Amino acid sequence: MFDNYTFGELLKLFAPLLIIELILIIICLRSIIKDQVNYLPKWAWALIVIFVNLLGAVIYLIIGRKRD
């Protein structure tokens, strides 16, 4: 599917997605440090957000955050 693209073209194609994912991870990590969390310790949520990429951040935002 991407056989005809050069590395530079692929980088231009996926750069916005990578930037959005990085911003989401930073927001989640900041929230983990600052706020209370549910179900798991803070270090476990941080590992999930970092290593499970987009899905980990979404899972944290849905079930991991403690709402006021």
PDB file of N, CA and C in Angstrom:
ATOM      1  N   MET A   1       0.815  -1.181   0.000  1.00  0.00           N
ATOM      2  CA  MET A   1       0.000   0.000   0.000  1.00  0.00           C
ATOM      3  C   MET A   1       0.871   1.261   0.000  1.00  0.00           C
ATOM      4  N   PHE A   2       1.939   1.266   0.778  1.00  0.00           N
ATOM      5  CA  PHE A   2       2.806   2.439   0.846  1.00  0.00           C
ATOM      6  C   PHE A   2       4.116   2.211   0.105  1.00  0.00           C
ATOM      7  N   ASP A   3       4.121   1.281  -0.844  1.00  0.00           N
ATOM      8  CA  ASP A   3       5.354   0.938  -1.550  1.00  0.00           C
ATOM      9  C   ASP A   3       5.884   2.078  -2.411  1.00  0.00           C
ATOM     10  N   ASN A   4       5.029   2.903  -2.930  1.00  0.00           N
ATOM     11  CA  ASN A   4       5.445   3.959  -3.849  1.00  0.00           C
ATOM     12  C   ASN A   4       5.862   5.252  -3.151  1.00  0.00           C
ATOM     13  N   TYR A   5       5.750   5.303  -1.841  1.00  0.00           N
ATOM     14  CA  TYR A   5       6.084   6.511  -1.098  1.00  0.00           C
ATOM     15  C   TYR A   5       7.526   6.459  -0.609  1.00  0.00           C
ATOM     16  N   THR A   6       8.166   7.606  -0.569  1.00  0.00           N
ATOM     17  CA  THR A   6       9.496   7.696   0.022  1.00  0.00           C
ATOM     18  C   THR A   6       9.348   7.907   1.526  1.00  0.00           C
ATOM     19  N   PHE A   7      10.468   7.800   2.235  1.00  0.00           N
ATOM     20  CA  PHE A   7      10.434   7.992   3.682  1.00  0.00           C
ATOM     21  C   PHE A   7       9.968   9.402   4.040  1.00  0.00           C
ATOM     22  N   GLY A   8      10.416  10.391   3.298  1.00  0.00           N
ATOM     23  CA  GLY A   8      10.010  11.771   3.563  1.00  0.00           C
ATOM     24  C   GLY A   8       8.520  11.982   3.372  1.00  0.00           C
ATOM     25  N   GLU A   9       7.958  11.362   2.344  1.00  0.00           N
ATOM     26  CA  GLU A   9       6.517  11.489   2.113  1.00  0.00           C
ATOM     27  C   GLU A   9       5.722  10.797   3.217  1.00  0.00           C
ATOM     28  N   LEU A  10       6.196   9.632   3.657  1.00  0.00           N
ATOM     29  CA  LEU A  10       5.516   8.937   4.748  1.00  0.00           C
ATOM     30  C   LEU A  10       5.599   9.730   6.047  1.00  0.00           C
ATOM     31  N   LEU A  11       6.743  10.353   6.271  1.00  0.00           N
ATOM     32  CA  LEU A  11       6.897  11.171   7.465  1.00  0.00           C
ATOM     33  C   LEU A  11       5.931  12.352   7.444  1.00  0.00           C
ATOM     34  N   LYS A  12       5.782  12.991   6.296  1.00  0.00           N
ATOM     35  CA  LYS A  12       4.830  14.096   6.172  1.00  0.00           C
ATOM     36  C   LYS A  12       3.397  13.610   6.373  1.00  0.00           C
ATOM     37  N   LEU A  13       3.113  12.402   5.941  1.00  0.00           N
ATOM     38  CA  LEU A  13       1.770  11.848   6.056  1.00  0.00           C
ATOM     39  C   LEU A  13       1.409  11.532   7.504  1.00  0.00           C
ATOM     40  N   PHE A  14       2.357  10.944   8.242  1.00  0.00           N
ATOM     41  CA  PHE A  14       2.063  10.489   9.596  1.00  0.00           C
ATOM     42  C   PHE A  14       2.482  11.471  10.689  1.00  0.00           C
ATOM     43  N   ALA A  15       3.178  12.538  10.369  1.00  0.00           N
ATOM     44  CA  ALA A  15       3.642  13.500  11.375  1.00  0.00           C
ATOM     45  C   ALA A  15       2.497  14.098  12.200  1.00  0.00           C
ATOM     46  N   PRO A  16       1.400  14.520  11.597  1.00  0.00           N
ATOM     47  CA  PRO A  16       0.305  15.063  12.430  1.00  0.00           C
ATOM     48  C   PRO A  16      -0.243  14.053  13.427  1.00  0.00           C
ATOM     49  N   LEU A  17      -0.356  12.795  13.021  1.00  0.00           N
ATOM     50  CA  LEU A  17      -0.845  11.767  13.939  1.00  0.00           C
ATOM     51  C   LEU A  17       0.127  11.538  15.083  1.00  0.00           C
ATOM     52  N   LEU A  18       1.409  11.532  14.783  1.00  0.00           N
ATOM     53  CA  LEU A  18       2.417  11.343  15.822  1.00  0.00           C
ATOM     54  C   LEU A  18       2.431  12.507  16.802  1.00  0.00           C
ATOM     55  N   ILE A  19       2.266  13.717  16.294  1.00  0.00           N
ATOM     56  CA  ILE A  19       2.242  14.901  17.163  1.00  0.00           C
ATOM     57  C   ILE A  19       1.013  14.875  18.066  1.00  0.00           C
ATOM     58  N   ILE A  20      -0.138  14.519  17.525  1.00  0.00           N
ATOM     59  CA  ILE A  20      -1.363  14.435  18.329  1.00  0.00           C
ATOM     60  C   ILE A  20      -1.217  13.369  19.404  1.00  0.00           C
ATOM     61  N   GLU A  21      -0.641  12.223  19.058  1.00  0.00           N
ATOM     62  CA  GLU A  21      -0.450  11.160  20.037  1.00  0.00           C
ATOM     63  C   GLU A  21       0.517  11.596  21.140  1.00  0.00           C
ATOM     64  N   LEU A  22       1.592  12.273  20.778  1.00  0.00           N
ATOM     65  CA  LEU A  22       2.551  12.746  21.767  1.00  0.00           C
ATOM     66  C   LEU A  22       1.900  13.758  22.716  1.00  0.00           C
ATOM     67  N   ILE A  23       1.100  14.664  22.180  1.00  0.00           N
ATOM     68  CA  ILE A  23       0.395  15.638  23.015  1.00  0.00           C
ATOM     69  C   ILE A  23      -0.574  14.937  23.965  1.00  0.00           C
ATOM     70  N   LEU A  24      -1.283  13.932  23.477  1.00  0.00           N
ATOM     71  CA  LEU A  24      -2.223  13.186  24.319  1.00  0.00           C
ATOM     72  C   LEU A  24      -1.491  12.458  25.439  1.00  0.00           C
ATOM     73  N   ILE A  25      -0.356  11.862  25.142  1.00  0.00           N
ATOM     74  CA  ILE A  25       0.430  11.176  26.168  1.00  0.00           C
ATOM     75  C   ILE A  25       0.914  12.165  27.225  1.00  0.00           C
ATOM     76  N   ILE A  26       1.376  13.326  26.804  1.00  0.00           N
ATOM     77  CA  ILE A  26       1.849  14.342  27.753  1.00  0.00           C
ATOM     78  C   ILE A  26       0.712  14.819  28.650  1.00  0.00           C
ATOM     79  N   ILE A  27      -0.468  15.042  28.067  1.00  0.00           N
ATOM     80  CA  ILE A  27      -1.630  15.469  28.852  1.00  0.00           C
ATOM     81  C   ILE A  27      -2.001  14.404  29.876  1.00  0.00           C
ATOM     82  N   CYS A  28      -2.000  13.148  29.464  1.00  0.00           N
ATOM     83  CA  CYS A  28      -2.354  12.066  30.387  1.00  0.00           C
ATOM     84  C   CYS A  28      -1.320  11.923  31.501  1.00  0.00           C
ATOM     85  N   LEU A  29      -0.031  11.990  31.167  1.00  0.00           N
ATOM     86  CA  LEU A  29       1.000  11.871  32.193  1.00  0.00           C
ATOM     87  C   LEU A  29       0.921  13.021  33.196  1.00  0.00           C
ATOM     88  N   ARG A  30       0.636  14.214  32.704  1.00  0.00           N
ATOM     89  CA  ARG A  30       0.484  15.370  33.600  1.00  0.00           C
ATOM     90  C   ARG A  30      -0.717  15.166  34.528  1.00  0.00           C
ATOM     91  N   SER A  31      -1.793  14.615  33.982  1.00  0.00           N
ATOM     92  CA  SER A  31      -2.978  14.342  34.783  1.00  0.00           C
ATOM     93  C   SER A  31      -2.699  13.261  35.830  1.00  0.00           C
ATOM     94  N   ILE A  32      -1.943  12.246  35.440  1.00  0.00           N
ATOM     95  CA  ILE A  32      -1.611  11.167  36.378  1.00  0.00           C
ATOM     96  C   ILE A  32      -0.801  11.717  37.546  1.00  0.00           C
ATOM     97  N   ILE A  33       0.156  12.572  37.256  1.00  0.00           N
ATOM     98  CA  ILE A  33       1.012  13.128  38.309  1.00  0.00           C
ATOM     99  C   ILE A  33       0.219  14.045  39.233  1.00  0.00           C
ATOM    100  N   LYS A  34      -0.661  14.859  38.658  1.00  0.00           N
ATOM    101  CA  LYS A  34      -1.341  15.907  39.411  1.00  0.00           C
ATOM    102  C   LYS A  34      -2.584  15.421  40.154  1.00  0.00           C
ATOM    103  N   ASP A  35      -3.353  14.535  39.566  1.00  0.00           N
ATOM    104  CA  ASP A  35      -4.656  14.152  40.111  1.00  0.00           C
ATOM    105  C   ASP A  35      -4.642  12.749  40.692  1.00  0.00           C
ATOM    106  N   GLN A  36      -5.766  12.396  41.320  1.00  0.00           N
ATOM    107  CA  GLN A  36      -5.970  11.046  41.833  1.00  0.00           C
ATOM    108  C   GLN A  36      -6.393  10.129  40.689  1.00  0.00           C
ATOM    109  N   VAL A  37      -6.069   8.831  40.809  1.00  0.00           N
ATOM    110  CA  VAL A  37      -6.418   7.862  39.765  1.00  0.00           C
ATOM    111  C   VAL A  37      -7.245   6.732  40.363  1.00  0.00           C
ATOM    112  N   ASN A  38      -7.933   6.001  39.509  1.00  0.00           N
ATOM    113  CA  ASN A  38      -8.762   4.865  39.916  1.00  0.00           C
ATOM    114  C   ASN A  38      -8.101   3.551  39.544  1.00  0.00           C
ATOM    115  N   TYR A  39      -8.395   2.502  40.318  1.00  0.00           N
ATOM    116  CA  TYR A  39      -8.139   1.100  40.015  1.00  0.00           C
ATOM    117  C   TYR A  39      -6.685   0.648  40.058  1.00  0.00           C
ATOM    118  N   LEU A  40      -5.734   1.443  39.617  1.00  0.00           N
ATOM    119  CA  LEU A  40      -4.326   1.048  39.588  1.00  0.00           C
ATOM    120  C   LEU A  40      -3.480   2.147  40.213  1.00  0.00           C
ATOM    121  N   PRO A  41      -2.255   1.807  40.642  1.00  0.00           N
ATOM    122  CA  PRO A  41      -1.357   2.863  41.125  1.00  0.00           C
ATOM    123  C   PRO A  41      -0.939   3.796  39.992  1.00  0.00           C
ATOM    124  N   LYS A  42      -0.461   4.963  40.363  1.00  0.00           N
ATOM    125  CA  LYS A  42      -0.077   5.956  39.361  1.00  0.00           C
ATOM    126  C   LYS A  42       1.016   5.434  38.436  1.00  0.00           C
ATOM    127  N   TRP A  43       1.992   4.702  38.980  1.00  0.00           N
ATOM    128  CA  TRP A  43       3.081   4.208  38.140  1.00  0.00           C
ATOM    129  C   TRP A  43       2.566   3.222  37.091  1.00  0.00           C
ATOM    130  N   ALA A  44       1.556   2.441  37.438  1.00  0.00           N
ATOM    131  CA  ALA A  44       0.997   1.486  36.477  1.00  0.00           C
ATOM    132  C   ALA A  44       0.267   2.217  35.352  1.00  0.00           C
ATOM    133  N   TRP A  45      -0.493   3.246  35.704  1.00  0.00           N
ATOM    134  CA  TRP A  45      -1.172   4.032  34.671  1.00  0.00           C
ATOM    135  C   TRP A  45      -0.164   4.706  33.756  1.00  0.00           C
ATOM    136  N   ALA A  46       0.923   5.208  34.328  1.00  0.00           N
ATOM    137  CA  ALA A  46       1.951   5.854  33.510  1.00  0.00           C
ATOM    138  C   ALA A  46       2.557   4.866  32.518  1.00  0.00           C
ATOM    139  N   LEU A  47       2.840   3.656  32.960  1.00  0.00           N
ATOM    140  CA  LEU A  47       3.380   2.641  32.045  1.00  0.00           C
ATOM    141  C   LEU A  47       2.379   2.283  30.951  1.00  0.00           C
ATOM    142  N   ILE A  48       1.117   2.168  31.310  1.00  0.00           N
ATOM    143  CA  ILE A  48       0.087   1.852  30.314  1.00  0.00           C
ATOM    144  C   ILE A  48      -0.007   2.962  29.278  1.00  0.00           C
ATOM    145  N   VAL A  49      -0.021   4.206  29.727  1.00  0.00           N
ATOM    146  CA  VAL A  49      -0.139   5.336  28.804  1.00  0.00           C
ATOM    147  C   VAL A  49       1.072   5.390  27.868  1.00  0.00           C
ATOM    148  N   ILE A  50       2.262   5.137  28.402  1.00  0.00           N
ATOM    149  CA  ILE A  50       3.467   5.234  27.583  1.00  0.00           C
ATOM    150  C   ILE A  50       3.599   4.071  26.603  1.00  0.00           C
ATOM    151  N   PHE A  51       3.368   2.846  27.070  1.00  0.00           N
ATOM    152  CA  PHE A  51       3.679   1.685  26.247  1.00  0.00           C
ATOM    153  C   PHE A  51       2.518   1.141  25.426  1.00  0.00           C
ATOM    154  N   VAL A  52       1.290   1.498  25.749  1.00  0.00           N
ATOM    155  CA  VAL A  52       0.152   1.021  24.962  1.00  0.00           C
ATOM    156  C   VAL A  52      -0.297   2.102  23.976  1.00  0.00           C
ATOM    157  N   ASN A  53       0.480   3.155  23.895  1.00  0.00           N
ATOM    158  CA  ASN A  53       0.278   4.246  22.941  1.00  0.00           C
ATOM    159  C   ASN A  53      -1.118   4.833  23.009  1.00  0.00           C
ATOM    160  N   LEU A  54      -1.768   5.000  21.895  1.00  0.00           N
ATOM    161  CA  LEU A  54      -3.041   5.711  21.834  1.00  0.00           C
ATOM    162  C   LEU A  54      -4.124   5.031  22.666  1.00  0.00           C
ATOM    163  N   LEU A  55      -4.211   3.732  22.588  1.00  0.00           N
ATOM    164  CA  LEU A  55      -5.248   3.005  23.325  1.00  0.00           C
ATOM    165  C   LEU A  55      -5.062   3.148  24.835  1.00  0.00           C
ATOM    166  N   GLY A  56      -3.830   3.130  25.313  1.00  0.00           N
ATOM    167  CA  GLY A  56      -3.577   3.293  26.745  1.00  0.00           C
ATOM    168  C   GLY A  56      -4.023   4.646  27.253  1.00  0.00           C
ATOM    169  N   ALA A  57      -3.761   5.696  26.480  1.00  0.00           N
ATOM    170  CA  ALA A  57      -4.183   7.034  26.881  1.00  0.00           C
ATOM    171  C   ALA A  57      -5.706   7.143  26.907  1.00  0.00           C
ATOM    172  N   VAL A  58      -6.365   6.568  25.926  1.00  0.00           N
ATOM    173  CA  VAL A  58      -7.829   6.615  25.874  1.00  0.00           C
ATOM    174  C   VAL A  58      -8.426   5.834  27.043  1.00  0.00           C
ATOM    175  N   ILE A  59      -7.864   4.666  27.345  1.00  0.00           N
ATOM    176  CA  ILE A  59      -8.354   3.875  28.479  1.00  0.00           C
ATOM    177  C   ILE A  59      -8.186   4.650  29.781  1.00  0.00           C
ATOM    178  N   TYR A  60      -7.036   5.301  29.947  1.00  0.00           N
ATOM    179  CA  TYR A  60      -6.838   6.099  31.160  1.00  0.00           C
ATOM    180  C   TYR A  60      -7.874   7.209  31.247  1.00  0.00           C
ATOM    181  N   LEU A  61      -8.117   7.913  30.155  1.00  0.00           N
ATOM    182  CA  LEU A  61      -9.071   9.021  30.191  1.00  0.00           C
ATOM    183  C   LEU A  61     -10.488   8.538  30.473  1.00  0.00           C
ATOM    184  N   ILE A  62     -10.834   7.336  30.041  1.00  0.00           N
ATOM    185  CA  ILE A  62     -12.196   6.825  30.249  1.00  0.00           C
ATOM    186  C   ILE A  62     -12.377   6.256  31.652  1.00  0.00           C
ATOM    187  N   ILE A  63     -11.468   5.370  32.098  1.00  0.00           N
ATOM    188  CA  ILE A  63     -11.698   4.700  33.387  1.00  0.00           C
ATOM    189  C   ILE A  63     -10.677   5.020  34.458  1.00  0.00           C
ATOM    190  N   GLY A  64      -9.524   5.556  34.111  1.00  0.00           N
ATOM    191  CA  GLY A  64      -8.473   5.749  35.095  1.00  0.00           C
ATOM    192  C   GLY A  64      -8.544   7.027  35.878  1.00  0.00           C
ATOM    193  N   ARG A  65      -9.110   8.060  35.288  1.00  0.00           N
ATOM    194  CA  ARG A  65      -9.191   9.344  35.979  1.00  0.00           C
ATOM    195  C   ARG A  65     -10.243   9.309  37.066  1.00  0.00           C
ATOM    196  N   LYS A  66      -9.935   9.896  38.185  1.00  0.00           N
ATOM    197  CA  LYS A  66     -10.929  10.030  39.260  1.00  0.00           C
ATOM    198  C   LYS A  66     -11.639  11.354  39.041  1.00  0.00           C
ATOM    199  N   ARG A  67     -12.922  11.276  38.859  1.00  0.00           N
ATOM    200  CA  ARG A  67     -13.714  12.480  38.619  1.00  0.00           C
ATOM    201  C   ARG A  67     -14.180  13.056  39.946  1.00  0.00           C
ATOM    202  N   ASP A  68     -14.279  14.369  39.977  1.00  0.00           N
ATOM    203  CA  ASP A  68     -14.699  15.053  41.210  1.00  0.00           C
ATOM    204  C   ASP A  68     -16.168  14.927  41.447  1.00  0.00           C
TER     205      ASP A  68
END
